[in-house]
Amino acid sequence: MTYQTVVSAQAVKSASKNQYFYLSGRQLANQLLGEDNEGLLSLSEYLNYFDYLRVLTNKTFILDGQSGFGNPLNTYNSIKKMENHGADIILLNDQQYPSHSRPDQQKPAELAELAGKLKAAIDAHDAENTDLWIKFDCWNQYSQTEKWERLELLSVLSLSDIVLNEDADKLDESSLNIHYFAADEQEFLN
């Protein structure tokens, strides 16, 4: 299975049988606003666009939950809405709100803030066919202790899928499903 980043109906319609899709907030902001900043999109703008693509296919779609579109209550509502719109996988990142696409603008959320958002996401999550993944955009900014604290948080919350940027310090953790991501291309590598 390979994931293709899409922002057009043509890309969805012309995809191969083994192709799944990722709707990147960064690329959608580029297309709709001409800006390289996912934090400029509202949840409603993002989901309205996703609705157009979702009706074209029943293949797996990964949605960009960014940093939950705000505080834990916003995160709760975002997860509910994304599931209701047909998300198969929802990514939540570890940034402060609003999320940013460029690494020089990414600021990691404090552990308590991240825990609150992840707990809210889990509480909201009730669609059997939707998975929650955490995307560590700020992984290389953490000390070893901070990395360990975040991995412990995932364990406590029973979250096992994480996404790391391709240039992230490698992680050898057998209890996790680790997915690598090329941030510049907005593509999953595995």
C-alpha atoms as a PDB file:
ATOM      1  CA  MET A   1       0.000   0.000   0.000  1.00  0.00           C
ATOM      2  CA  THR A   2       1.287   3.433  -0.902  1.00  0.00           C
ATOM      3  CA  TYR A   3      -0.089   6.820   0.039  1.00  0.00           C
ATOM      4  CA  GLN A   4      -0.359   9.610  -2.487  1.00  0.00           C
ATOM      5  CA  THR A   5      -0.820  13.197  -1.404  1.00  0.00           C
ATOM      6  CA  VAL A   6      -3.773  14.611  -3.298  1.00  0.00           C
ATOM      7  CA  VAL A   7      -5.527  17.939  -3.600  1.00  0.00           C
ATOM      8  CA  SER A   8      -7.336  17.366  -6.883  1.00  0.00           C
ATOM      9  CA  ALA A   9     -10.201  15.224  -8.091  1.00  0.00           C
ATOM     10  CA  GLN A  10      -8.115  14.257 -11.118  1.00  0.00           C
ATOM     11  CA  ALA A  11      -5.409  12.747  -8.895  1.00  0.00           C
ATOM     12  CA  VAL A  12      -8.014  10.708  -7.017  1.00  0.00           C
ATOM     13  CA  LYS A  13      -9.725   9.516 -10.185  1.00  0.00           C
ATOM     14  CA  SER A  14      -6.473   8.509 -11.916  1.00  0.00           C
ATOM     15  CA  ALA A  15      -4.884   6.671  -8.982  1.00  0.00           C
ATOM     16  CA  SER A  16      -3.923   3.010  -9.197  1.00  0.00           C
ATOM     17  CA  LYS A  17      -5.808   0.275  -7.357  1.00  0.00           C
ATOM     18  CA  ASN A  18      -3.165   0.037  -4.626  1.00  0.00           C
ATOM     19  CA  GLN A  19      -3.060   3.773  -4.043  1.00  0.00           C
ATOM     20  CA  TYR A  20      -4.391   5.402  -0.876  1.00  0.00           C
ATOM     21  CA  PHE A  21      -4.626   9.102  -0.203  1.00  0.00           C
ATOM     22  CA  TYR A  22      -3.425  11.845   2.145  1.00  0.00           C
ATOM     23  CA  LEU A  23      -5.068  15.274   2.080  1.00  0.00           C
ATOM     24  CA  SER A  24      -2.271  17.558   3.200  1.00  0.00           C
ATOM     25  CA  GLY A  25      -3.274  20.748   4.984  1.00  0.00           C
ATOM     26  CA  ARG A  26      -0.092  22.342   3.679  1.00  0.00           C
ATOM     27  CA  GLN A  27      -0.792  21.554   0.034  1.00  0.00           C
ATOM     28  CA  LEU A  28      -4.451  22.465   0.371  1.00  0.00           C
ATOM     29  CA  ALA A  29      -3.477  25.869   1.807  1.00  0.00           C
ATOM     30  CA  ASN A  30      -1.142  26.291  -1.178  1.00  0.00           C
ATOM     31  CA  GLN A  31      -3.944  25.454  -3.600  1.00  0.00           C
ATOM     32  CA  LEU A  32      -6.738  27.456  -1.992  1.00  0.00           C
ATOM     33  CA  LEU A  33      -4.840  30.403  -0.525  1.00  0.00           C
ATOM     34  CA  GLY A  34      -1.501  30.480  -2.311  1.00  0.00           C
ATOM     35  CA  GLU A  35       0.193  30.236   1.094  1.00  0.00           C
ATOM     36  CA  ASP A  36       2.573  27.615   2.483  1.00  0.00           C
ATOM     37  CA  ASN A  37       0.888  27.496   5.865  1.00  0.00           C
ATOM     38  CA  GLU A  38      -1.659  24.879   6.922  1.00  0.00           C
ATOM     39  CA  GLY A  39      -2.534  26.927   9.998  1.00  0.00           C
ATOM     40  CA  LEU A  40      -4.451  29.368   7.801  1.00  0.00           C
ATOM     41  CA  LEU A  41      -7.139  26.766   7.031  1.00  0.00           C
ATOM     42  CA  SER A  42     -10.173  26.305   9.215  1.00  0.00           C
ATOM     43  CA  LEU A  43     -11.576  22.851   9.884  1.00  0.00           C
ATOM     44  CA  SER A  44     -14.712  23.659   7.880  1.00  0.00           C
ATOM     45  CA  GLU A  45     -12.676  24.745   4.827  1.00  0.00           C
ATOM     46  CA  TYR A  46     -10.589  21.592   5.051  1.00  0.00           C
ATOM     47  CA  LEU A  47     -13.597  19.271   5.425  1.00  0.00           C
ATOM     48  CA  ASN A  48     -15.589  20.977   2.668  1.00  0.00           C
ATOM     49  CA  TYR A  49     -12.741  20.267   0.279  1.00  0.00           C
ATOM     50  CA  PHE A  50     -12.362  16.710   1.582  1.00  0.00           C
ATOM     51  CA  ASP A  51     -16.060  16.061   0.917  1.00  0.00           C
ATOM     52  CA  TYR A  52     -15.495  16.655  -2.802  1.00  0.00           C
ATOM     53  CA  LEU A  53     -12.692  14.093  -2.859  1.00  0.00           C
ATOM     54  CA  ARG A  54     -14.397  11.548  -0.591  1.00  0.00           C
ATOM     55  CA  VAL A  55     -17.354  11.096  -2.950  1.00  0.00           C
ATOM     56  CA  LEU A  56     -14.962  10.008  -5.704  1.00  0.00           C
ATOM     57  CA  THR A  57     -13.559   6.973  -3.900  1.00  0.00           C
ATOM     58  CA  ASN A  58     -13.960   4.624  -0.977  1.00  0.00           C
ATOM     59  CA  LYS A  59     -10.197   4.074  -0.721  1.00  0.00           C
ATOM     60  CA  THR A  60      -8.347   4.886   2.480  1.00  0.00           C
ATOM     61  CA  PHE A  61      -7.914   8.601   3.196  1.00  0.00           C
ATOM     62  CA  ILE A  62      -5.560  10.094   5.777  1.00  0.00           C
ATOM     63  CA  LEU A  63      -6.724  13.483   7.025  1.00  0.00           C
ATOM     64  CA  ASP A  64      -4.517  16.167   8.516  1.00  0.00           C
ATOM     65  CA  GLY A  65      -5.907  16.952  11.959  1.00  0.00           C
ATOM     66  CA  GLN A  66      -3.071  19.446  12.412  1.00  0.00           C
ATOM     67  CA  SER A  67      -2.792  20.361  16.098  1.00  0.00           C
ATOM     68  CA  GLY A  68      -6.473  19.709  16.718  1.00  0.00           C
ATOM     69  CA  PHE A  69      -7.536  23.117  15.364  1.00  0.00           C
ATOM     70  CA  GLY A  70      -7.189  24.664  18.823  1.00  0.00           C
ATOM     71  CA  ASN A  71      -7.562  23.483  22.416  1.00  0.00           C
ATOM     72  CA  PRO A  72      -8.696  20.003  23.600  1.00  0.00           C
ATOM     73  CA  LEU A  73     -12.376  20.864  23.091  1.00  0.00           C
ATOM     74  CA  ASN A  74     -11.640  21.892  19.494  1.00  0.00           C
ATOM     75  CA  THR A  75      -9.662  18.678  19.081  1.00  0.00           C
ATOM     76  CA  TYR A  76     -12.615  16.641  20.341  1.00  0.00           C
ATOM     77  CA  ASN A  77     -14.976  18.346  17.874  1.00  0.00           C
ATOM     78  CA  SER A  78     -12.447  18.060  15.027  1.00  0.00           C
ATOM     79  CA  ILE A  79     -12.084  14.305  15.472  1.00  0.00           C
ATOM     80  CA  LYS A  80     -15.863  13.840  15.598  1.00  0.00           C
ATOM     81  CA  LYS A  81     -16.355  15.859  12.433  1.00  0.00           C
ATOM     82  CA  MET A  82     -13.508  14.172  10.535  1.00  0.00           C
ATOM     83  CA  GLU A  83     -14.881  10.749  11.388  1.00  0.00           C
ATOM     84  CA  ASN A  84     -18.383  11.823  10.347  1.00  0.00           C
ATOM     85  CA  HIS A  85     -16.999  13.022   7.000  1.00  0.00           C
ATOM     86  CA  GLY A  86     -15.381   9.637   6.317  1.00  0.00           C
ATOM     87  CA  ALA A  87     -11.768   9.859   7.499  1.00  0.00           C
ATOM     88  CA  ASP A  88      -9.963   6.522   7.692  1.00  0.00           C
ATOM     89  CA  ILE A  89      -6.867   7.799   9.510  1.00  0.00           C
ATOM     90  CA  ILE A  90      -6.554  11.109  11.342  1.00  0.00           C
ATOM     91  CA  LEU A  91      -3.139  12.623  12.031  1.00  0.00           C
ATOM     92  CA  LEU A  92      -2.684  14.863  15.052  1.00  0.00           C
ATOM     93  CA  ASN A  93       0.623  16.645  15.347  1.00  0.00           C
ATOM     94  CA  ASP A  94       2.606  17.704  18.380  1.00  0.00           C
ATOM     95  CA  GLN A  95       2.681  21.420  17.610  1.00  0.00           C
ATOM     96  CA  GLN A  96       1.163  24.371  19.392  1.00  0.00           C
ATOM     97  CA  TYR A  97      -1.912  25.762  17.672  1.00  0.00           C
ATOM     98  CA  PRO A  98      -1.917  26.918  14.931  1.00  0.00           C
ATOM     99  CA  SER A  99       0.154  24.312  13.117  1.00  0.00           C
ATOM    100  CA  HIS A 100       2.821  25.426  10.699  1.00  0.00           C
ATOM    101  CA  SER A 101       4.219  23.632   7.693  1.00  0.00           C
ATOM    102  CA  ARG A 102       7.697  25.110   7.697  1.00  0.00           C
ATOM    103  CA  PRO A 103      10.035  23.556  10.305  1.00  0.00           C
ATOM    104  CA  ASP A 104      11.433  26.951  11.326  1.00  0.00           C
ATOM    105  CA  GLN A 105       7.911  27.970  12.459  1.00  0.00           C
ATOM    106  CA  GLN A 106       6.966  24.758  14.285  1.00  0.00           C
ATOM    107  CA  LYS A 107       6.718  25.076  18.059  1.00  0.00           C
ATOM    108  CA  PRO A 108       6.204  21.931  20.138  1.00  0.00           C
ATOM    109  CA  ALA A 109       3.206  21.726  22.422  1.00  0.00           C
ATOM    110  CA  GLU A 110       3.969  21.265  26.095  1.00  0.00           C
ATOM    111  CA  LEU A 111       3.490  17.708  27.304  1.00  0.00           C
ATOM    112  CA  ALA A 112       0.326  18.563  29.273  1.00  0.00           C
ATOM    113  CA  GLU A 113      -1.214  20.331  26.254  1.00  0.00           C
ATOM    114  CA  LEU A 114      -0.376  17.378  24.000  1.00  0.00           C
ATOM    115  CA  ALA A 115      -1.799  14.939  26.559  1.00  0.00           C
ATOM    116  CA  GLY A 116      -5.030  16.937  26.777  1.00  0.00           C
ATOM    117  CA  LYS A 117      -5.476  16.981  23.019  1.00  0.00           C
ATOM    118  CA  LEU A 118      -4.671  13.291  22.613  1.00  0.00           C
ATOM    119  CA  LYS A 119      -7.065  12.352  25.423  1.00  0.00           C
ATOM    120  CA  ALA A 120      -9.777  14.512  23.831  1.00  0.00           C
ATOM    121  CA  ALA A 121      -9.117  12.831  20.469  1.00  0.00           C
ATOM    122  CA  ILE A 122      -9.430   9.381  22.033  1.00  0.00           C
ATOM    123  CA  ASP A 123     -12.631  10.374  23.834  1.00  0.00           C
ATOM    124  CA  ALA A 124     -14.116  11.667  20.568  1.00  0.00           C
ATOM    125  CA  HIS A 125     -12.981   8.683  18.541  1.00  0.00           C
ATOM    126  CA  ASP A 126     -15.785   6.190  18.087  1.00  0.00           C
ATOM    127  CA  ALA A 127     -15.750   5.188  14.423  1.00  0.00           C
ATOM    128  CA  GLU A 128     -14.599   1.586  14.161  1.00  0.00           C
ATOM    129  CA  ASN A 129     -12.959   2.176  10.801  1.00  0.00           C
ATOM    130  CA  THR A 130     -10.949   5.262  11.773  1.00  0.00           C
ATOM    131  CA  ASP A 131      -7.465   5.213  13.301  1.00  0.00           C
ATOM    132  CA  LEU A 132      -5.651   7.965  15.191  1.00  0.00           C
ATOM    133  CA  TRP A 133      -1.961   8.581  14.481  1.00  0.00           C
ATOM    134  CA  ILE A 134       0.344  11.100  16.155  1.00  0.00           C
ATOM    135  CA  LYS A 135       2.741  13.020  13.905  1.00  0.00           C
ATOM    136  CA  PHE A 136       5.843  14.213  15.718  1.00  0.00           C
ATOM    137  CA  ASP A 137       6.755  17.271  13.637  1.00  0.00           C
ATOM    138  CA  CYS A 138       8.934  18.565  16.472  1.00  0.00           C
ATOM    139  CA  TRP A 139      10.715  15.289  17.310  1.00  0.00           C
ATOM    140  CA  ASN A 140      14.224  16.655  16.725  1.00  0.00           C
ATOM    141  CA  GLN A 141      13.533  19.614  19.032  1.00  0.00           C
ATOM    142  CA  TYR A 142      12.997  17.361  22.068  1.00  0.00           C
ATOM    143  CA  SER A 143      15.622  16.262  24.552  1.00  0.00           C
ATOM    144  CA  GLN A 144      15.947  12.517  25.183  1.00  0.00           C
ATOM    145  CA  THR A 145      13.848  12.930  28.338  1.00  0.00           C
ATOM    146  CA  GLU A 146      11.108  14.769  26.438  1.00  0.00           C
ATOM    147  CA  LYS A 147      11.073  12.065  23.757  1.00  0.00           C
ATOM    148  CA  TRP A 148      10.753   9.394  26.415  1.00  0.00           C
ATOM    149  CA  GLU A 149       7.883  11.303  28.112  1.00  0.00           C
ATOM    150  CA  ARG A 150       5.980  11.490  24.835  1.00  0.00           C
ATOM    151  CA  LEU A 151       6.491   7.803  24.108  1.00  0.00           C
ATOM    152  CA  GLU A 152       5.315   6.973  27.622  1.00  0.00           C
ATOM    153  CA  LEU A 153       2.223   9.133  27.030  1.00  0.00           C
ATOM    154  CA  LEU A 154       1.431   7.155  23.878  1.00  0.00           C
ATOM    155  CA  SER A 155       1.789   3.920  25.810  1.00  0.00           C
ATOM    156  CA  VAL A 156      -0.545   5.098  28.582  1.00  0.00           C
ATOM    157  CA  LEU A 157      -3.118   6.194  25.988  1.00  0.00           C
ATOM    158  CA  SER A 158      -2.719   2.966  23.952  1.00  0.00           C
ATOM    159  CA  LEU A 159      -1.700   4.813  20.786  1.00  0.00           C
ATOM    160  CA  SER A 160       0.713   2.855  18.646  1.00  0.00           C
ATOM    161  CA  ASP A 161       0.982   4.591  15.256  1.00  0.00           C
ATOM    162  CA  ILE A 162       3.382   7.490  14.942  1.00  0.00           C
ATOM    163  CA  VAL A 163       4.684   9.505  12.028  1.00  0.00           C
ATOM    164  CA  LEU A 164       8.203  10.901  11.983  1.00  0.00           C
ATOM    165  CA  ASN A 165       9.751  13.180   9.392  1.00  0.00           C
ATOM    166  CA  GLU A 166      12.364  11.481   7.256  1.00  0.00           C
ATOM    167  CA  ASP A 167      15.134  13.561   8.858  1.00  0.00           C
ATOM    168  CA  ALA A 168      14.005  12.751  12.421  1.00  0.00           C
ATOM    169  CA  ASP A 169      16.297  10.993  14.842  1.00  0.00           C
ATOM    170  CA  LYS A 170      15.539   7.332  14.222  1.00  0.00           C
ATOM    171  CA  LEU A 171      13.523   5.419  16.751  1.00  0.00           C
ATOM    172  CA  ASP A 172      13.757   1.714  17.407  1.00  0.00           C
ATOM    173  CA  GLU A 173      10.631   0.913  19.351  1.00  0.00           C
ATOM    174  CA  SER A 174       9.041  -2.446  18.622  1.00  0.00           C
ATOM    175  CA  SER A 175       5.754  -1.552  20.333  1.00  0.00           C
ATOM    176  CA  LEU A 176       5.076   1.221  17.795  1.00  0.00           C
ATOM    177  CA  ASN A 177       4.106   1.322  14.142  1.00  0.00           C
ATOM    178  CA  ILE A 178       6.455   3.976  12.798  1.00  0.00           C
ATOM    179  CA  HIS A 179       5.648   5.712   9.526  1.00  0.00           C
ATOM    180  CA  TYR A 180       8.131   8.069   7.874  1.00  0.00           C
ATOM    181  CA  PHE A 181       7.136  11.247   6.079  1.00  0.00           C
ATOM    182  CA  ALA A 182       8.895  13.537   3.587  1.00  0.00           C
ATOM    183  CA  ALA A 183       7.810  16.977   4.784  1.00  0.00           C
ATOM    184  CA  ASP A 184       8.918  18.934   1.708  1.00  0.00           C
ATOM    185  CA  GLU A 185       7.039  16.643  -0.675  1.00  0.00           C
ATOM    186  CA  GLN A 186       4.208  15.958   1.798  1.00  0.00           C
ATOM    187  CA  GLU A 187       4.519  12.223   1.043  1.00  0.00           C
ATOM    188  CA  PHE A 188       4.515   9.115   3.200  1.00  0.00           C
ATOM    189  CA  LEU A 189       7.605   6.992   2.651  1.00  0.00           C
ATOM    190  CA  ASN A 190       6.248   3.734   4.098  1.00  0.00           C
END
